[in-house]
Structures are given as structure tokens and as C-alpha cells.
């Protein structure tokens, strides 16, 4: 019986505490992304977006070059 009361108390505390702590920031983000500042949409978030974009491009190009290298290496016979 006590375990049931404890579990109900935990459910009540978890379900009611996080409901009112979030602030609606959609209008702020809409202003940011709809601003006419000649930036592509994937870079309008600021410095973090720029770093993530450059990291993604580096990994993509590096992976492409490595896959071409592996294809070239596998296409020629090897000495035994």
C-alpha cells in the first residue's frame, strides 16, 4: 500500500513540475529566421550553426575522398 502511495506521489510530482517551466520562444526564432540579412537559413542561427556547417562539410568531403581512395586501392591488383 505504501509503495502505491509513493509511486502516485512520484508520478504527480514529475507530471506537474515540468509543465510550466518552459517559455514560448517561437516568436523570437521567427524574427531571427525571417530577417533579411542575406544569410542562408542554415547559417542564421549564429556561430554555432557556422561551426556545425563547417564540421559537416569537412566530414562529408573527407569521407568522399577516403572512399575514392579505397575504391582506387581496391581496383588495382596487389602483390602477393
PDB file of N, CA and C in Angstrom:
ATOM      1  N   UNK A   1       0.819  -1.185   0.000  1.00  0.00           N
ATOM      2  CA  UNK A   1       0.000   0.000   0.000  1.00  0.00           C
ATOM      3  C   UNK A   1       0.869   1.258   0.000  1.00  0.00           C
ATOM      4  N   UNK A   2       1.955   1.203   0.768  1.00  0.00           N
ATOM      5  CA  UNK A   2       2.830   2.363   0.836  1.00  0.00           C
ATOM      6  C   UNK A   2       3.544   2.584  -0.497  1.00  0.00           C
ATOM      7  N   UNK A   3       3.922   1.496  -1.186  1.00  0.00           N
ATOM      8  CA  UNK A   3       4.580   1.616  -2.489  1.00  0.00           C
ATOM      9  C   UNK A   3       3.661   2.277  -3.498  1.00  0.00           C
ATOM     10  N   UNK A   4       2.383   2.003  -3.413  1.00  0.00           N
ATOM     11  CA  UNK A   4       1.418   2.620  -4.310  1.00  0.00           C
ATOM     12  C   UNK A   4       1.336   4.122  -4.063  1.00  0.00           C
ATOM     13  N   UNK A   5       1.338   4.523  -2.782  1.00  0.00           N
ATOM     14  CA  UNK A   5       1.297   5.948  -2.460  1.00  0.00           C
ATOM     15  C   UNK A   5       2.560   6.658  -2.933  1.00  0.00           C
ATOM     16  N   UNK A   6       3.706   6.002  -2.777  1.00  0.00           N
ATOM     17  CA  UNK A   6       4.978   6.592  -3.208  1.00  0.00           C
ATOM     18  C   UNK A   6       4.994   6.746  -4.721  1.00  0.00           C
ATOM     19  N   UNK A   7       4.553   5.733  -5.453  1.00  0.00           N
ATOM     20  CA  UNK A   7       4.570   5.821  -6.902  1.00  0.00           C
ATOM     21  C   UNK A   7       3.594   6.879  -7.404  1.00  0.00           C
ATOM     22  N   UNK A   8       2.427   7.015  -6.748  1.00  0.00           N
ATOM     23  CA  UNK A   8       1.487   8.055  -7.140  1.00  0.00           C
ATOM     24  C   UNK A   8       2.059   9.439  -6.863  1.00  0.00           C
ATOM     25  N   UNK A   9       2.769   9.576  -5.763  1.00  0.00           N
ATOM     26  CA  UNK A   9       3.386  10.860  -5.440  1.00  0.00           C
ATOM     27  C   UNK A   9       4.472  11.211  -6.447  1.00  0.00           C
ATOM     28  N   UNK A  10       5.252  10.220  -6.868  1.00  0.00           N
ATOM     29  CA  UNK A  10       6.291  10.472  -7.857  1.00  0.00           C
ATOM     30  C   UNK A  10       5.688  10.863  -9.198  1.00  0.00           C
ATOM     31  N   UNK A  11       4.645  10.165  -9.606  1.00  0.00           N
ATOM     32  CA  UNK A  11       4.000  10.488 -10.876  1.00  0.00           C
ATOM     33  C   UNK A  11       3.418  11.890 -10.824  1.00  0.00           C
ATOM     34  N   UNK A  12       2.778  12.238  -9.731  1.00  0.00           N
ATOM     35  CA  UNK A  12       2.190  13.557  -9.598  1.00  0.00           C
ATOM     36  C   UNK A  12       3.268  14.641  -9.628  1.00  0.00           C
ATOM     37  N   UNK A  13       4.380  14.407  -8.945  1.00  0.00           N
ATOM     38  CA  UNK A  13       5.422  15.427  -8.892  1.00  0.00           C
ATOM     39  C   UNK A  13       6.117  15.575 -10.244  1.00  0.00           C
ATOM     40  N   UNK A  14       6.353  14.464 -10.968  1.00  0.00           N
ATOM     41  CA  UNK A  14       7.011  14.568 -12.266  1.00  0.00           C
ATOM     42  C   UNK A  14       6.086  15.134 -13.333  1.00  0.00           C
ATOM     43  N   UNK A  15       4.811  14.808 -13.254  1.00  0.00           N
ATOM     44  CA  UNK A  15       3.915  15.264 -14.305  1.00  0.00           C
ATOM     45  C   UNK A  15       3.513  16.718 -14.130  1.00  0.00           C
ATOM     46  N   UNK A  16       3.616  17.263 -12.940  1.00  0.00           N
ATOM     47  CA  UNK A  16       3.152  18.628 -12.741  1.00  0.00           C
ATOM     48  C   UNK A  16       4.281  19.641 -12.639  1.00  0.00           C
ATOM     49  N   UNK A  17       5.517  19.209 -12.440  1.00  0.00           N
ATOM     50  CA  UNK A  17       6.588  20.180 -12.228  1.00  0.00           C
ATOM     51  C   UNK A  17       7.118  20.763 -13.523  1.00  0.00           C
ATOM     52  N   UNK A  18       7.185  19.995 -14.590  1.00  0.00           N
ATOM     53  CA  UNK A  18       7.814  20.489 -15.806  1.00  0.00           C
ATOM     54  C   UNK A  18       6.844  21.177 -16.747  1.00  0.00           C
ATOM     55  N   UNK A  19       5.608  21.214 -16.415  1.00  0.00           N
ATOM     56  CA  UNK A  19       4.613  21.740 -17.333  1.00  0.00           C
ATOM     57  C   UNK A  19       4.731  23.252 -17.516  1.00  0.00           C
ATOM     58  N   UNK A  20       5.070  23.993 -16.476  1.00  0.00           N
ATOM     59  CA  UNK A  20       5.008  25.445 -16.532  1.00  0.00           C
ATOM     60  C   UNK A  20       6.377  26.124 -16.575  1.00  0.00           C
ATOM     61  N   UNK A  21       7.441  25.371 -16.782  1.00  0.00           N
ATOM     62  CA  UNK A  21       8.769  25.957 -16.731  1.00  0.00           C
ATOM     63  C   UNK A  21       9.297  26.387 -18.091  1.00  0.00           C
ATOM     64  N   UNK A  22       8.603  26.050 -19.165  1.00  0.00           N
ATOM     65  CA  UNK A  22       9.100  26.383 -20.489  1.00  0.00           C
ATOM     66  C   UNK A  22       8.476  27.679 -20.978  1.00  0.00           C
ATOM     67  N   UNK A  23       9.297  28.491 -21.614  1.00  0.00           N
ATOM     68  CA  UNK A  23       8.821  29.750 -22.164  1.00  0.00           C
ATOM     69  C   UNK A  23       8.705  29.595 -23.672  1.00  0.00           C
ATOM     70  N   UNK A  24       7.683  30.145 -24.253  1.00  0.00           N
ATOM     71  CA  UNK A  24       7.475  30.063 -25.696  1.00  0.00           C
ATOM     72  C   UNK A  24       8.432  31.029 -26.392  1.00  0.00           C
ATOM     73  N   UNK A  25       9.419  30.473 -27.099  1.00  0.00           N
ATOM     74  CA  UNK A  25      10.399  31.309 -27.780  1.00  0.00           C
ATOM     75  C   UNK A  25      10.222  31.282 -29.289  1.00  0.00           C
ATOM     76  N   UNK A  26       9.098  30.787 -29.765  1.00  0.00           N
ATOM     77  CA  UNK A  26       8.851  30.700 -31.201  1.00  0.00           C
ATOM     78  C   UNK A  26       8.854  32.071 -31.860  1.00  0.00           C
ATOM     79  N   UNK A  27       8.192  33.098 -31.287  1.00  0.00           N
ATOM     80  CA  UNK A  27       8.235  34.412 -31.951  1.00  0.00           C
ATOM     81  C   UNK A  27       9.651  34.981 -32.097  1.00  0.00           C
ATOM     82  N   UNK A  28      10.507  34.737 -31.105  1.00  0.00           N
ATOM     83  CA  UNK A  28      11.901  35.202 -31.202  1.00  0.00           C
ATOM     84  C   UNK A  28      12.627  34.504 -32.355  1.00  0.00           C
ATOM     85  N   UNK A  29      12.437  33.196 -32.450  1.00  0.00           N
ATOM     86  CA  UNK A  29      13.090  32.434 -33.517  1.00  0.00           C
ATOM     87  C   UNK A  29      12.542  32.817 -34.884  1.00  0.00           C
ATOM     88  N   UNK A  30      11.235  33.109 -34.968  1.00  0.00           N
ATOM     89  CA  UNK A  30      10.657  33.533 -36.238  1.00  0.00           C
ATOM     90  C   UNK A  30      11.275  34.839 -36.701  1.00  0.00           C
ATOM     91  N   UNK A  31      11.453  35.789 -35.789  1.00  0.00           N
ATOM     92  CA  UNK A  31      12.085  37.061 -36.149  1.00  0.00           C
ATOM     93  C   UNK A  31      13.511  36.836 -36.630  1.00  0.00           C
ATOM     94  N   UNK A  32      14.225  35.944 -35.952  1.00  0.00           N
ATOM     95  CA  UNK A  32      15.615  35.663 -36.311  1.00  0.00           C
ATOM     96  C   UNK A  32      15.715  35.047 -37.699  1.00  0.00           C
ATOM     97  N   UNK A  33      14.881  34.059 -37.991  1.00  0.00           N
ATOM     98  CA  UNK A  33      14.995  33.339 -39.250  1.00  0.00           C
ATOM     99  C   UNK A  33      14.330  34.069 -40.414  1.00  0.00           C
ATOM    100  N   UNK A  34      13.427  35.007 -40.149  1.00  0.00           N
ATOM    101  CA  UNK A  34      12.786  35.749 -41.220  1.00  0.00           C
ATOM    102  C   UNK A  34      13.472  37.076 -41.503  1.00  0.00           C
ATOM    103  N   UNK A  35      14.514  37.411 -40.782  1.00  0.00           N
ATOM    104  CA  UNK A  35      15.243  38.654 -41.011  1.00  0.00           C
ATOM    105  C   UNK A  35      15.933  38.603 -42.367  1.00  0.00           C
ATOM    106  N   UNK A  36      15.913  39.731 -43.060  1.00  0.00           N
ATOM    107  CA  UNK A  36      16.529  39.815 -44.381  1.00  0.00           C
ATOM    108  C   UNK A  36      17.979  40.283 -44.222  1.00  0.00           C
ATOM    109  N   UNK A  37      18.882  39.348 -43.968  1.00  0.00           N
ATOM    110  CA  UNK A  37      20.284  39.694 -43.775  1.00  0.00           C
ATOM    111  C   UNK A  37      21.204  38.945 -44.738  1.00  0.00           C
ATOM    112  N   UNK A  38      20.669  38.466 -45.846  1.00  0.00           N
ATOM    113  CA  UNK A  38      21.424  37.812 -46.920  1.00  0.00           C
ATOM    114  C   UNK A  38      22.214  36.593 -46.464  1.00  0.00           C
ATOM    115  N   UNK A  39      21.759  35.934 -45.411  1.00  0.00           N
ATOM    116  CA  UNK A  39      22.379  34.684 -44.976  1.00  0.00           C
ATOM    117  C   UNK A  39      21.462  33.531 -45.343  1.00  0.00           C
ATOM    118  N   UNK A  40      22.044  32.392 -45.722  1.00  0.00           N
ATOM    119  CA  UNK A  40      21.195  31.220 -45.938  1.00  0.00           C
ATOM    120  C   UNK A  40      20.586  30.764 -44.610  1.00  0.00           C
ATOM    121  N   UNK A  41      19.456  30.092 -44.701  1.00  0.00           N
ATOM    122  CA  UNK A  41      18.712  29.754 -43.488  1.00  0.00           C
ATOM    123  C   UNK A  41      19.498  28.818 -42.569  1.00  0.00           C
ATOM    124  N   UNK A  42      20.386  28.000 -43.130  1.00  0.00           N
ATOM    125  CA  UNK A  42      21.130  27.078 -42.272  1.00  0.00           C
ATOM    126  C   UNK A  42      22.268  27.764 -41.520  1.00  0.00           C
ATOM    127  N   UNK A  43      22.505  29.067 -41.765  1.00  0.00           N
ATOM    128  CA  UNK A  43      23.539  29.796 -41.041  1.00  0.00           C
ATOM    129  C   UNK A  43      22.988  30.951 -40.212  1.00  0.00           C
ATOM    130  N   UNK A  44      21.677  31.126 -40.168  1.00  0.00           N
ATOM    131  CA  UNK A  44      21.094  32.257 -39.454  1.00  0.00           C
ATOM    132  C   UNK A  44      21.127  32.084 -37.942  1.00  0.00           C
ATOM    133  N   UNK A  45      21.440  30.912 -37.450  1.00  0.00           N
ATOM    134  CA  UNK A  45      21.470  30.676 -36.012  1.00  0.00           C
ATOM    135  C   UNK A  45      22.674  31.260 -35.317  1.00  0.00           C
ATOM    136  N   UNK A  46      23.692  31.666 -36.063  1.00  0.00           N
ATOM    137  CA  UNK A  46      24.862  32.280 -35.447  1.00  0.00           C
ATOM    138  C   UNK A  46      26.111  31.440 -35.606  1.00  0.00           C
ATOM    139  N   UNK A  47      27.033  31.624 -34.670  1.00  0.00           N
ATOM    140  CA  UNK A  47      28.327  30.960 -34.725  1.00  0.00           C
ATOM    141  C   UNK A  47      28.253  29.449 -34.600  1.00  0.00           C
ATOM    142  N   UNK A  48      27.340  28.969 -33.806  1.00  0.00           N
ATOM    143  CA  UNK A  48      27.200  27.530 -33.636  1.00  0.00           C
ATOM    144  C   UNK A  48      26.786  26.867 -34.942  1.00  0.00           C
ATOM    145  N   UNK A  49      25.857  27.495 -35.656  1.00  0.00           N
ATOM    146  CA  UNK A  49      25.447  26.951 -36.948  1.00  0.00           C
ATOM    147  C   UNK A  49      26.603  26.949 -37.941  1.00  0.00           C
ATOM    148  N   UNK A  50      27.420  27.985 -37.897  1.00  0.00           N
ATOM    149  CA  UNK A  50      28.573  28.062 -38.790  1.00  0.00           C
ATOM    150  C   UNK A  50      29.565  26.943 -38.493  1.00  0.00           C
ATOM    151  N   UNK A  51      29.825  26.691 -37.219  1.00  0.00           N
ATOM    152  CA  UNK A  51      30.753  25.618 -36.838  1.00  0.00           C
ATOM    153  C   UNK A  51      30.195  24.258 -37.253  1.00  0.00           C
ATOM    154  N   UNK A  52      28.904  24.027 -36.996  1.00  0.00           N
ATOM    155  CA  UNK A  52      28.299  22.751 -37.375  1.00  0.00           C
ATOM    156  C   UNK A  52      28.304  22.561 -38.887  1.00  0.00           C
ATOM    157  N   UNK A  53      28.061  23.631 -39.632  1.00  0.00           N
ATOM    158  CA  UNK A  53      28.090  23.557 -41.093  1.00  0.00           C
ATOM    159  C   UNK A  53      29.483  23.185 -41.588  1.00  0.00           C
ATOM    160  N   UNK A  54      30.500  23.868 -41.061  1.00  0.00           N
ATOM    161  CA  UNK A  54      31.875  23.584 -41.494  1.00  0.00           C
ATOM    162  C   UNK A  54      32.313  22.174 -41.092  1.00  0.00           C
ATOM    163  N   UNK A  55      31.929  21.726 -39.913  1.00  0.00           N
ATOM    164  CA  UNK A  55      32.253  20.363 -39.478  1.00  0.00           C
ATOM    165  C   UNK A  55      31.577  19.332 -40.376  1.00  0.00           C
ATOM    166  N   UNK A  56      30.317  19.567 -40.717  1.00  0.00           N
ATOM    167  CA  UNK A  56      29.597  18.648 -41.587  1.00  0.00           C
ATOM    168  C   UNK A  56      30.241  18.595 -42.969  1.00  0.00           C
ATOM    169  N   UNK A  57      30.587  19.743 -43.515  1.00  0.00           N
ATOM    170  CA  UNK A  57      31.223  19.778 -44.836  1.00  0.00           C
ATOM    171  C   UNK A  57      32.588  19.096 -44.804  1.00  0.00           C
ATOM    172  N   UNK A  58      33.355  19.311 -43.745  1.00  0.00           N
ATOM    173  CA  UNK A  58      34.669  18.680 -43.627  1.00  0.00           C
ATOM    174  C   UNK A  58      34.541  17.159 -43.565  1.00  0.00           C
ATOM    175  N   UNK A  59      33.617  16.680 -42.745  1.00  0.00           N
ATOM    176  CA  UNK A  59      33.428  15.230 -42.634  1.00  0.00           C
ATOM    177  C   UNK A  59      32.913  14.632 -43.943  1.00  0.00           C
ATOM    178  N   UNK A  60      32.031  15.347 -44.625  1.00  0.00           N
ATOM    179  CA  UNK A  60      31.490  14.852 -45.887  1.00  0.00           C
ATOM    180  C   UNK A  60      32.572  14.785 -46.958  1.00  0.00           C
ATOM    181  N   UNK A  61      33.331  15.855 -47.101  1.00  0.00           N
ATOM    182  CA  UNK A  61      34.397  15.858 -48.106  1.00  0.00           C
ATOM    183  C   UNK A  61      35.497  14.863 -47.755  1.00  0.00           C
ATOM    184  N   UNK A  62      35.857  14.786 -46.475  1.00  0.00           N
ATOM    185  CA  UNK A  62      36.868  13.821 -46.061  1.00  0.00           C
ATOM    186  C   UNK A  62      36.424  12.391 -46.310  1.00  0.00           C
ATOM    187  N   UNK A  63      35.180  12.086 -46.022  1.00  0.00           N
ATOM    188  CA  UNK A  63      34.653  10.750 -46.272  1.00  0.00           C
ATOM    189  C   UNK A  63      34.594  10.427 -47.752  1.00  0.00           C
ATOM    190  N   UNK A  64      34.252  11.428 -48.566  1.00  0.00           N
ATOM    191  CA  UNK A  64      34.214  11.203 -50.018  1.00  0.00           C
ATOM    192  C   UNK A  64      35.607  10.924 -50.572  1.00  0.00           C
ATOM    193  N   UNK A  65      36.578  11.704 -50.132  1.00  0.00           N
ATOM    194  CA  UNK A  65      37.954  11.486 -50.593  1.00  0.00           C
ATOM    195  C   UNK A  65      38.460  10.123 -50.136  1.00  0.00           C
ATOM    196  N   UNK A  66      38.165   9.747 -48.904  1.00  0.00           N
ATOM    197  CA  UNK A  66      38.611   8.452 -48.391  1.00  0.00           C
ATOM    198  C   UNK A  66      37.947   7.302 -49.143  1.00  0.00           C
ATOM    199  N   UNK A  67      36.675   7.437 -49.478  1.00  0.00           N
ATOM    200  CA  UNK A  67      36.004   6.362 -50.212  1.00  0.00           C
ATOM    201  C   UNK A  67      36.565   6.238 -51.624  1.00  0.00           C
ATOM    202  N   UNK A  68      36.899   7.358 -52.252  1.00  0.00           N
ATOM    203  CA  UNK A  68      37.531   7.296 -53.576  1.00  0.00           C
ATOM    204  C   UNK A  68      38.921   6.658 -53.486  1.00  0.00           C
ATOM    205  N   UNK A  69      39.652   6.978 -52.426  1.00  0.00           N
ATOM    206  CA  UNK A  69      40.960   6.359 -52.223  1.00  0.00           C
ATOM    207  C   UNK A  69      40.818   4.844 -52.064  1.00  0.00           C
ATOM    208  N   UNK A  70      39.851   4.418 -51.270  1.00  0.00           N
ATOM    209  CA  UNK A  70      39.644   2.979 -51.066  1.00  0.00           C
ATOM    210  C   UNK A  70      39.215   2.287 -52.356  1.00  0.00           C
ATOM    211  N   UNK A  71      38.384   2.937 -53.140  1.00  0.00           N
ATOM    212  CA  UNK A  71      37.996   2.361 -54.430  1.00  0.00           C
ATOM    213  C   UNK A  71      39.199   2.246 -55.363  1.00  0.00           C
ATOM    214  N   UNK A  72      40.031   3.275 -55.388  1.00  0.00           N
ATOM    215  CA  UNK A  72      41.239   3.222 -56.207  1.00  0.00           C
ATOM    216  C   UNK A  72      42.193   2.153 -55.741  1.00  0.00           C
ATOM    217  N   UNK A  73      42.353   2.017 -54.446  1.00  0.00           N
ATOM    218  CA  UNK A  73      43.250   0.998 -53.902  1.00  0.00           C
ATOM    219  C   UNK A  73      42.730  -0.403 -54.221  1.00  0.00           C
ATOM    220  N   UNK A  74      41.414  -0.606 -54.151  1.00  0.00           N
ATOM    221  CA  UNK A  74      40.850  -1.922 -54.378  1.00  0.00           C
ATOM    222  C   UNK A  74      40.783  -2.279 -55.847  1.00  0.00           C
ATOM    223  N   UNK A  75      40.915  -1.306 -56.730  1.00  0.00           N
ATOM    224  CA  UNK A  75      40.759  -1.590 -58.157  1.00  0.00           C
ATOM    225  C   UNK A  75      42.047  -2.097 -58.809  1.00  0.00           C
ATOM    226  N   UNK A  76      43.157  -1.981 -58.123  1.00  0.00           N
ATOM    227  CA  UNK A  76      44.427  -2.454 -58.689  1.00  0.00           C
ATOM    228  C   UNK A  76      44.865  -3.748 -58.006  1.00  0.00           C
ATOM    229  N   UNK A  77      45.548  -4.625 -58.741  1.00  0.00           N
ATOM    230  CA  UNK A  77      45.991  -5.882 -58.111  1.00  0.00           C
ATOM    231  C   UNK A  77      47.080  -5.621 -57.063  1.00  0.00           C
ATOM    232  N   UNK A  78      47.127  -6.491 -56.100  1.00  0.00           N
ATOM    233  CA  UNK A  78      48.109  -6.375 -55.029  1.00  0.00           C
ATOM    234  C   UNK A  78      49.183  -7.445 -55.185  1.00  0.00           C
ATOM    235  N   UNK A  79      50.363  -7.133 -54.706  1.00  0.00           N
ATOM    236  CA  UNK A  79      51.450  -8.120 -54.744  1.00  0.00           C
ATOM    237  C   UNK A  79      51.195  -9.153 -53.662  1.00  0.00           C
ATOM    238  N   UNK A  80      51.502 -10.419 -54.009  1.00  0.00           N
ATOM    239  CA  UNK A  80      51.313 -11.483 -53.022  1.00  0.00           C
ATOM    240  C   UNK A  80      52.605 -12.052 -52.576  1.00  0.00           C
TER     241      UNK A  80
END
